[in-house]
Protein backbone atom coordinates (compact mmCIF):
# COMPACT_ATOMS: atom_id res chain seq x y z
CA MET A 1 0.00 0.00 0.00
CA GLY A 2 2.82 2.34 0.93
CA THR A 3 4.68 1.57 -2.30
CA SER A 4 1.60 2.25 -4.43
CA ARG A 5 0.99 5.55 -2.68
CA MET A 6 4.58 6.64 -3.21
CA PHE A 7 4.29 5.71 -6.89
CA HIS A 8 1.21 7.92 -7.29
CA ILE A 9 2.98 10.80 -5.54
CA PHE A 10 5.96 10.52 -7.93
CA VAL A 11 3.61 10.48 -10.93
CA VAL A 12 1.86 13.65 -9.73
CA LEU A 13 5.16 15.42 -8.99
CA GLY A 14 6.60 14.36 -12.36
CA SER A 15 3.55 15.67 -14.21
CA ALA A 16 3.72 18.98 -12.36
CA PHE A 17 7.42 19.26 -13.21
CA MET A 18 6.78 18.67 -16.93
CA ILE A 19 4.00 21.29 -16.95
CA LEU A 20 6.38 23.78 -15.32
CA LEU A 21 9.00 23.08 -18.00
CA ILE A 22 6.46 23.69 -20.76
CA ILE A 23 5.36 26.99 -19.17
CA LEU A 24 8.97 28.13 -18.83
CA TYR A 25 9.72 27.16 -22.43
CA TRP A 26 6.88 29.23 -23.89
CA LYS A 27 7.81 32.12 -21.65
CA GLU A 28 11.37 32.09 -23.03
CA VAL A 29 10.38 31.89 -26.69
CA GLY A 30 7.74 34.57 -26.31
CA ALA A 31 10.28 37.24 -27.22
CA SER A 32 11.19 35.32 -30.36
CA HIS A 33 7.55 35.04 -31.38
CA GLN A 34 6.93 38.74 -30.74
CA PHE A 35 10.03 39.64 -32.72
CA LEU A 36 8.59 37.99 -35.80
CA HIS A 37 5.16 39.65 -35.78
CA THR A 38 6.00 41.40 -39.07
CA PRO A 39 5.96 38.86 -41.90
CA VAL A 40 8.77 38.55 -44.41
CA SER A 41 7.83 39.01 -48.06
CA PRO A 42 6.48 35.73 -49.40
CA GLY A 43 7.94 33.67 -52.19
CA PRO A 44 6.05 31.95 -55.04
CA LYS A 45 2.40 31.11 -54.44
CA MET A 46 1.61 27.68 -53.09
CA THR A 47 -1.36 25.38 -53.63
CA LYS A 48 -3.77 24.96 -50.75
CA PRO A 49 -2.74 21.35 -50.03
CA ALA A 50 0.88 22.45 -49.89
CA GLN A 51 -0.07 25.32 -47.58
CA GLN A 52 -1.97 22.99 -45.26
CA GLN A 53 0.93 20.56 -45.20
CA GLN A 54 3.40 23.35 -44.44
CA GLN A 55 1.17 24.80 -41.72
CA GLN A 56 1.01 21.39 -40.07
CA GLN A 57 4.80 21.19 -40.23
CA GLN A 58 5.12 24.65 -38.68
CA LYS A 59 3.15 23.84 -35.55
CA PRO A 60 5.62 24.12 -32.65
CA GLN A 61 6.19 20.79 -30.90
CA PRO A 62 6.53 20.38 -27.12
CA PRO A 63 10.16 20.41 -26.04
CA GLN A 64 11.84 17.06 -25.53
CA SER A 65 14.43 18.55 -23.20
CA PRO A 66 15.08 21.87 -21.47
CA SER A 67 17.74 22.76 -24.09
CA PHE A 68 16.03 26.03 -24.98
CA LEU A 69 18.46 27.50 -27.58
CA SER A 70 18.30 24.50 -29.89
CA ASP A 71 14.50 24.52 -29.73
CA ILE A 72 14.36 28.27 -30.32
CA ASP A 73 16.56 27.95 -33.40
CA ALA A 74 14.12 25.51 -35.00
CA PHE A 75 11.15 27.58 -33.85
CA VAL A 76 12.49 30.87 -35.25
CA ASN A 77 13.61 29.26 -38.51
CA GLN A 78 10.01 28.25 -39.23
CA PHE A 79 8.92 31.87 -39.12
CA LEU A 80 11.84 33.11 -41.23
CA GLU A 81 11.47 30.59 -44.04
CA PRO A 82 10.16 32.29 -47.21
CA GLY A 83 6.97 31.16 -48.85
CA THR A 84 4.88 30.77 -45.69
CA GLY A 85 1.67 31.73 -47.44
CA GLU A 86 0.06 33.70 -50.24
CA PRO A 87 0.46 37.50 -50.29
CA THR A 88 -2.44 39.53 -49.06
CA ASP A 89 -3.31 43.18 -48.70
CA GLN A 90 -6.17 42.68 -46.26
CA VAL A 91 -5.85 43.13 -42.52
CA PRO A 92 -7.01 40.00 -40.69
CA ALA A 93 -9.94 40.18 -38.28
CA GLU A 94 -7.77 39.68 -35.21
CA ALA A 95 -5.92 42.90 -36.04
CA SER A 96 -9.03 44.84 -35.03
CA ASN A 97 -8.09 44.10 -31.44
CA GLN A 98 -5.75 47.06 -31.11
CA SER A 99 -2.62 46.59 -29.07
CA GLU A 100 -1.13 49.23 -26.82
CA LYS A 101 2.22 48.65 -28.51
CA ALA A 102 2.56 50.24 -31.94
CA GLU A 103 4.98 47.59 -33.16
CA GLU A 104 2.34 44.88 -32.63
CA ARG A 105 0.13 46.19 -35.44
CA TYR A 106 -0.35 43.97 -38.48
CA VAL A 107 1.57 45.09 -41.56
CA PRO A 108 0.36 43.92 -44.99
CA ARG A 109 2.89 41.99 -47.02
CA GLN A 110 4.58 43.38 -50.11
CA GLU A 111 4.44 41.48 -53.38
CA TRP A 112 7.86 40.54 -54.67
CA LYS A 113 8.47 41.70 -58.22
CA ILE A 114 9.10 38.91 -60.71
CA HIS A 115 11.56 39.64 -63.55
CA LEU A 116 11.40 37.74 -66.81
CA THR A 117 14.83 38.81 -68.06
CA PRO A 118 18.11 37.82 -66.36
CA VAL A 119 20.51 40.25 -64.74
CA ALA A 120 23.32 41.31 -67.08
CA ALA A 121 26.22 38.86 -66.95
CA GLU A 122 28.64 41.75 -66.33
CA LEU A 123 26.81 42.76 -63.16
CA ARG A 124 26.62 39.20 -61.87
CA GLN A 125 30.32 38.72 -62.50
CA ARG A 126 31.12 41.99 -60.75
CA GLN A 127 29.39 40.80 -57.58
CA GLU A 128 31.00 37.38 -57.75
CA ASN A 129 34.44 38.98 -58.01
CA ARG A 130 33.86 41.34 -55.09
CA GLN A 131 32.52 38.61 -52.83
CA LYS A 132 35.30 36.19 -53.79
CA LEU A 133 37.94 38.82 -53.00
CA LEU A 134 36.46 39.34 -49.54
CA LYS A 135 36.24 35.62 -48.89
CA ASP A 136 39.80 34.94 -50.04
CA LEU A 137 41.42 37.76 -48.05
CA CYS A 138 39.49 36.85 -44.92
CA ALA A 139 40.52 33.20 -45.25
CA ASN A 140 44.27 33.56 -45.90
CA ASP A 141 47.14 35.26 -44.07
CA SER A 142 48.16 37.69 -46.82
CA LEU A 143 46.32 40.49 -45.04
CA GLU A 144 46.25 41.01 -41.28
CA PHE A 145 44.31 43.60 -39.31
CA PRO A 146 42.84 43.90 -35.79
CA GLY A 147 39.76 41.75 -35.21
CA LYS A 148 40.09 39.79 -38.44
CA ASN A 149 40.05 36.35 -36.83
CA ARG A 150 37.54 36.91 -34.04
CA SER A 151 34.12 35.28 -34.17
CA PHE A 152 30.80 37.08 -34.51
CA ASP A 153 30.10 36.36 -30.83
CA ASP A 154 33.26 38.27 -29.90
CA ILE A 155 32.07 41.52 -31.52
CA PRO A 156 30.76 43.90 -28.81
CA ASN A 157 27.14 44.96 -29.21
CA LYS A 158 28.09 48.62 -29.55
CA GLU A 159 30.10 47.73 -32.67
CA LEU A 160 26.97 46.32 -34.36
CA ASP A 161 25.12 49.63 -34.44
CA HIS A 162 25.66 50.14 -38.18
CA LEU A 163 23.65 47.05 -39.13
CA ILE A 164 20.09 48.17 -39.94
CA VAL A 165 17.43 45.44 -40.14
CA ASP A 166 14.25 45.39 -42.25
CA ASP A 167 12.13 42.39 -41.25
CA ARG A 168 9.44 43.09 -43.84
CA HIS A 169 11.71 42.20 -46.75
CA GLY A 170 14.47 40.28 -44.98
CA VAL A 171 17.23 42.84 -45.53
CA ILE A 172 20.25 43.91 -43.46
CA TYR A 173 22.17 47.04 -44.47
CA CYS A 174 25.51 48.07 -42.98
CA TYR A 175 25.75 51.80 -43.52
CA VAL A 176 29.09 53.51 -44.10
CA PRO A 177 29.08 57.31 -43.64
CA LYS A 178 30.21 59.29 -46.69
CA VAL A 179 29.07 56.49 -49.00
CA ALA A 180 25.53 57.60 -49.96
CA CYS A 181 24.28 56.32 -46.61
CA THR A 182 21.65 59.08 -46.33
CA ASN A 183 19.79 57.82 -49.39
CA TRP A 184 20.17 54.17 -48.41
CA LYS A 185 18.80 54.96 -44.96
CA ARG A 186 15.85 56.65 -46.67
CA ILE A 187 15.26 53.50 -48.71
CA MET A 188 15.38 51.35 -45.58
CA ILE A 189 12.72 53.59 -44.00
CA VAL A 190 10.51 53.21 -47.08
CA LEU A 191 10.93 49.42 -47.12
CA SER A 192 10.25 49.01 -43.41
CA GLU A 193 7.25 51.39 -43.61
CA SER A 194 8.38 52.94 -40.34
CA LEU A 195 7.33 56.45 -41.43
CA LEU A 196 3.64 57.19 -41.93
CA ARG A 197 2.05 60.29 -43.49
CA ASP A 198 -1.64 60.57 -42.61
CA GLY A 199 -1.63 56.86 -41.84
CA VAL A 200 -0.04 55.94 -45.19
CA PRO A 201 3.56 54.69 -45.46
CA GLN A 202 6.00 57.13 -47.03
CA ARG A 203 6.94 55.89 -50.51
CA ASP A 204 9.21 58.67 -51.80
CA PRO A 205 12.74 58.46 -50.32
CA MET A 206 13.54 62.07 -51.15
CA ALA A 207 10.48 63.24 -49.21
CA ILE A 208 12.20 62.02 -46.04
CA PRO A 209 14.24 64.87 -44.51
CA ARG A 210 17.97 64.26 -44.12
CA GLU A 211 17.79 64.77 -40.35
CA LEU A 212 15.01 62.19 -40.06
CA ALA A 213 16.90 59.68 -42.18
CA HIS A 214 19.79 59.86 -39.69
CA ASN A 215 17.52 59.75 -36.64
CA ALA A 216 18.44 56.58 -34.75
CA SER A 217 14.84 56.02 -33.66
CA MET A 218 13.84 55.42 -37.30
CA HIS A 219 16.03 52.35 -37.62
CA PHE A 220 16.22 49.01 -35.84
CA THR A 221 19.87 48.02 -35.55
CA PHE A 222 21.62 44.96 -34.17
CA ASN A 223 22.88 47.02 -31.24
CA LYS A 224 19.26 47.44 -30.10
CA PHE A 225 18.62 43.69 -30.02
CA TRP A 226 20.24 43.28 -26.62
CA LYS A 227 17.93 45.74 -24.92
CA ARG A 228 14.83 44.16 -26.43
CA TYR A 229 15.61 40.44 -26.44
CA GLY A 230 18.13 39.95 -23.67
CA LYS A 231 20.04 36.69 -23.67
CA PHE A 232 18.42 35.54 -26.93
CA ALA A 233 19.57 38.64 -28.87
CA ARG A 234 22.79 37.21 -30.26
CA HIS A 235 21.04 33.99 -31.24
CA LEU A 236 18.38 35.91 -33.17
CA MET A 237 21.07 38.00 -34.87
CA LYS A 238 22.71 34.83 -36.19
CA VAL A 239 19.39 33.50 -37.50
CA LYS A 240 18.76 36.74 -39.38
CA LEU A 241 22.31 36.85 -40.75
CA LYS A 242 21.74 33.36 -42.11
CA LYS A 243 18.32 34.08 -43.63
CA TYR A 244 18.36 37.74 -44.71
CA THR A 245 20.06 39.49 -47.64
CA LYS A 246 23.01 41.53 -46.35
CA PHE A 247 24.57 44.44 -48.25
CA LEU A 248 26.88 47.43 -47.89
CA PHE A 249 28.32 50.20 -50.07
CA VAL A 250 31.95 51.36 -50.01
CA ARG A 251 34.21 53.83 -51.81
CA ASP A 252 37.91 54.56 -52.29
CA PRO A 253 39.22 55.00 -48.69
CA PHE A 254 41.35 58.09 -49.41
CA VAL A 255 38.54 59.77 -51.36
CA ARG A 256 36.21 59.01 -48.45
CA LEU A 257 38.64 60.77 -46.08
CA ILE A 258 38.73 63.84 -48.32
CA SER A 259 34.92 63.87 -48.43
CA ALA A 260 34.70 63.58 -44.63
CA TYR A 261 37.17 66.44 -44.15
CA ARG A 262 35.35 68.73 -46.59
CA ASP A 263 31.94 68.00 -45.05
CA LYS A 264 32.91 68.28 -41.39
CA PHE A 265 35.68 70.91 -41.31
CA GLU A 266 35.30 73.13 -44.38
CA LEU A 267 31.64 73.73 -43.55
CA ARG A 268 30.27 75.30 -40.36
CA ASN A 269 29.66 72.34 -38.09
CA GLU A 270 29.61 73.37 -34.44
CA ASP A 271 29.61 69.83 -33.07
CA PHE A 272 32.60 68.65 -35.10
CA TYR A 273 34.44 71.92 -34.46
CA ARG A 274 34.18 71.53 -30.68
CA ARG A 275 34.85 67.77 -30.60
CA PHE A 276 37.62 67.49 -33.18
CA ALA A 277 38.73 70.71 -34.88
CA LYS A 278 39.75 72.45 -31.65
CA VAL A 279 41.84 69.41 -30.71
CA MET A 280 43.63 69.51 -34.07
CA LEU A 281 44.28 73.24 -33.79
CA ARG A 282 45.80 72.82 -30.32
CA ARG A 283 47.97 69.83 -31.22
CA TYR A 284 49.18 70.63 -34.72
CA ALA A 285 48.54 74.35 -35.43
CA ASN A 286 50.17 75.67 -32.24
CA GLN A 287 46.97 77.37 -31.12
CA SER A 288 46.78 76.96 -27.38
CA THR A 289 43.45 78.83 -27.25
CA PRO A 290 41.56 78.29 -30.52
CA PRO A 291 38.33 80.25 -31.10
CA ASP A 292 35.55 79.06 -28.85
CA SER A 293 32.88 78.58 -31.56
CA VAL A 294 32.86 77.62 -35.20
CA ASP A 295 31.43 81.03 -36.15
CA GLU A 296 34.34 82.80 -34.46
CA ALA A 297 36.79 80.45 -36.13
CA PHE A 298 35.34 81.03 -39.60
CA ALA A 299 35.27 84.80 -39.04
CA MET A 300 38.99 84.65 -38.23
CA GLY A 301 39.73 82.26 -41.11
CA VAL A 302 40.86 79.53 -38.72
CA HIS A 303 40.23 75.83 -39.33
CA PRO A 304 42.37 72.69 -39.35
CA SER A 305 44.02 71.87 -42.68
CA PHE A 306 43.75 68.52 -44.42
CA SER A 307 47.33 67.85 -43.31
CA HIS A 308 46.28 68.48 -39.69
CA PHE A 309 43.44 66.01 -40.21
CA THR A 310 45.80 63.27 -41.41
CA GLN A 311 48.07 63.90 -38.43
CA TYR A 312 45.09 63.52 -36.14
CA LEU A 313 44.21 60.16 -37.70
CA LEU A 314 47.74 58.82 -37.17
CA ASP A 315 48.25 60.26 -33.69
CA PRO A 316 48.25 57.47 -31.04
CA GLN A 317 46.53 59.90 -28.65
CA THR A 318 43.44 59.99 -30.87
CA GLU A 319 42.14 56.48 -30.21
CA LYS A 320 43.54 56.53 -26.72
CA TYR A 321 40.57 58.73 -25.81
CA GLY A 322 38.01 56.89 -27.95
CA PRO A 323 37.46 55.07 -31.26
CA PHE A 324 37.47 56.91 -34.57
CA ASN A 325 34.35 58.83 -35.47
CA GLU A 326 32.17 56.85 -37.86
CA HIS A 327 32.85 59.28 -40.73
CA TRP A 328 36.50 58.23 -40.91
CA GLN A 329 36.44 54.88 -39.16
CA GLN A 330 37.61 52.00 -41.35
CA VAL A 331 34.86 50.01 -43.08
CA TYR A 332 36.22 46.71 -41.74
CA ARG A 333 35.58 48.04 -38.23
CA LEU A 334 32.09 49.29 -39.04
CA CYS A 335 30.75 46.29 -40.98
CA HIS A 336 32.91 43.27 -40.00
CA PRO A 337 33.23 41.71 -43.48
CA CYS A 338 35.24 38.73 -42.19
CA GLN A 339 32.52 37.80 -39.66
CA ILE A 340 29.48 38.62 -41.85
CA GLN A 341 29.17 37.11 -45.32
CA TYR A 342 27.68 39.94 -47.38
CA ASP A 343 25.43 38.98 -50.28
CA PHE A 344 26.01 42.26 -52.12
CA VAL A 345 28.93 44.71 -52.12
CA GLY A 346 28.22 48.02 -53.84
CA HIS A 347 30.75 50.69 -54.80
CA LEU A 348 29.96 54.38 -54.86
CA GLU A 349 31.93 54.65 -58.09
CA THR A 350 29.32 52.39 -59.75
CA ALA A 351 26.46 53.48 -57.49
CA GLU A 352 23.64 53.75 -60.01
CA GLU A 353 24.28 50.37 -61.65
CA ASP A 354 24.84 48.67 -58.31
CA ALA A 355 21.74 50.22 -56.74
CA GLU A 356 19.54 49.11 -59.63
CA HIS A 357 21.05 45.62 -59.46
CA LEU A 358 20.54 45.38 -55.68
CA LEU A 359 16.92 46.56 -55.67
CA ARG A 360 16.18 44.09 -58.43
CA LEU A 361 17.92 41.34 -56.47
CA LEU A 362 15.74 42.20 -53.46
CA ARG A 363 12.71 42.27 -55.79
CA VAL A 364 11.59 45.63 -54.45
CA ASP A 365 12.36 47.79 -57.51
CA ASN A 366 8.60 48.13 -57.92
CA VAL A 367 8.40 49.60 -54.42
CA VAL A 368 11.29 52.08 -54.35
CA GLU A 369 13.97 53.58 -56.60
CA PHE A 370 17.44 54.73 -55.60
CA PRO A 371 17.43 58.56 -55.73
CA THR A 372 19.63 60.10 -58.38
CA SER A 373 21.83 62.84 -56.97
CA HIS A 374 24.33 65.38 -58.18
CA ARG A 375 26.75 64.50 -55.41
CA ASN A 376 30.36 65.68 -55.33
CA LEU A 377 32.32 62.46 -55.69
CA THR A 378 35.65 64.19 -55.01
CA ALA A 379 37.16 63.02 -58.28
CA SER A 380 40.15 60.74 -57.94
CA ASP A 381 42.26 62.97 -60.20
CA SER A 382 42.11 65.65 -57.48
CA GLU A 383 43.51 63.33 -54.78
CA SER A 384 47.08 64.39 -55.60
CA ASP A 385 46.16 68.04 -55.00
CA TRP A 386 44.70 67.23 -51.59
CA PHE A 387 47.70 65.16 -50.52
CA SER A 388 50.27 67.59 -51.90
CA THR A 389 50.45 69.33 -48.51
CA VAL A 390 50.86 66.02 -46.66
CA PRO A 391 54.44 64.75 -46.14
CA LEU A 392 55.22 61.58 -48.10
CA GLU A 393 55.96 59.54 -44.97
CA VAL A 394 52.60 60.56 -43.48
CA ARG A 395 50.80 59.45 -46.66
CA ARG A 396 52.45 56.05 -46.49
CA GLU A 397 51.52 55.62 -42.83
CA LEU A 398 47.97 56.67 -43.62
CA TYR A 399 47.79 54.02 -46.34
CA LYS A 400 48.86 51.36 -43.83
CA LEU A 401 46.05 52.50 -41.55
CA TYR A 402 43.45 52.06 -44.30
CA GLU A 403 45.14 49.27 -46.28
CA PRO A 404 42.60 46.61 -45.17
CA ASP A 405 39.79 48.66 -46.72
CA PHE A 406 41.75 49.20 -49.94
CA ARG A 407 42.46 45.50 -50.38
CA LEU A 408 39.24 43.95 -49.03
CA PHE A 409 37.08 45.98 -51.39
CA GLY A 410 39.31 45.90 -54.46
CA TYR A 411 40.74 49.43 -54.58
CA ASP A 412 44.14 49.89 -56.16
CA ARG A 413 47.08 51.15 -54.16
CA PRO A 414 47.36 54.91 -54.97
CA HIS A 415 50.88 54.79 -56.42
CA SER A 416 50.86 58.40 -57.59
CA ILE A 417 50.30 59.55 -54.00
CA LEU A 418 52.63 57.08 -52.26
CA ASN A 419 55.62 57.04 -54.64
CA GLU A 420 56.42 60.70 -55.20
């Protein structure tokens, strides 16, 4: 009698324990489910029997063990797989139950555009060459630079802030300042439909003010994952990196430096004057007390030269007090090309062709167009004029500092600047 009673007690306790495990499991994956409330654009239409079969396959199964991360991976993958249903423009009935959280609202899916003609062979080959170059240099020892061999898990969250995520279309964009990032940020806002005008998503990129395009609140970046999803953030990042299309745009590193200098120090920029220009004037222009404001400095004709700027970049004191500003920080530090396998690498020098190719690849060229602009590309034939005031040894040291970017992204060594 005693043995039978003990057996029943163990059965009851075991059942209660299993129920507790199930409750804990669904509590943990709740964040993952909430994260995927916005559907990814669907793939080709499926027949109803195929849909029913897939829906049956997508029903989450009770966990066999308390190994939560492995279960979450399978669970999240089901929601990120393309082709989970037919596209629709109607809001389902359950959406009428309004949530207090704005991000919980239902967002209609976008139809992918289907092209009947293939992409030009030249453009396909261009992308293959750029991606192969990245892969080869990251895999061999011919090029070394800080952080090259670390894993994605070793990258601090704060260094992932340039990766913008669009869950609607399954896109991740690593923005590089001074490489048309304003317009690409505008496009990401249009695709994510995060900006509404009278309840209607903004469709024209150029109607989005520059200041709003750079407003951090308009973009969901990898750095924000940690605050929202806690210990599952890094796991979700990896799932998205595996499933989404990842792209970035780059330009000649020296030309990018010239563009950054002209934009931040030849124009009246109070913030950059106080944070950087005054430091350069004290260190390299022998001005112990530079003008207090940018207006005073411009009135007196005082501003750091391009040579002062290059000295600042090479000065060990600079990064002793903090990392480079994003406008002159190396691309390999902003976008981690040896830890993230990019599906598309655009160059500013071929921006229009690359942008058209990318939007077609994403199948959203019926939704948005890359804005044409009359930007100042800082022509490469003027590089020699800019560097003429910079000592030859300084130029060579500067090249070493940015050599990883030159080589990773296929830019030639500027012999005319380094061999005078």
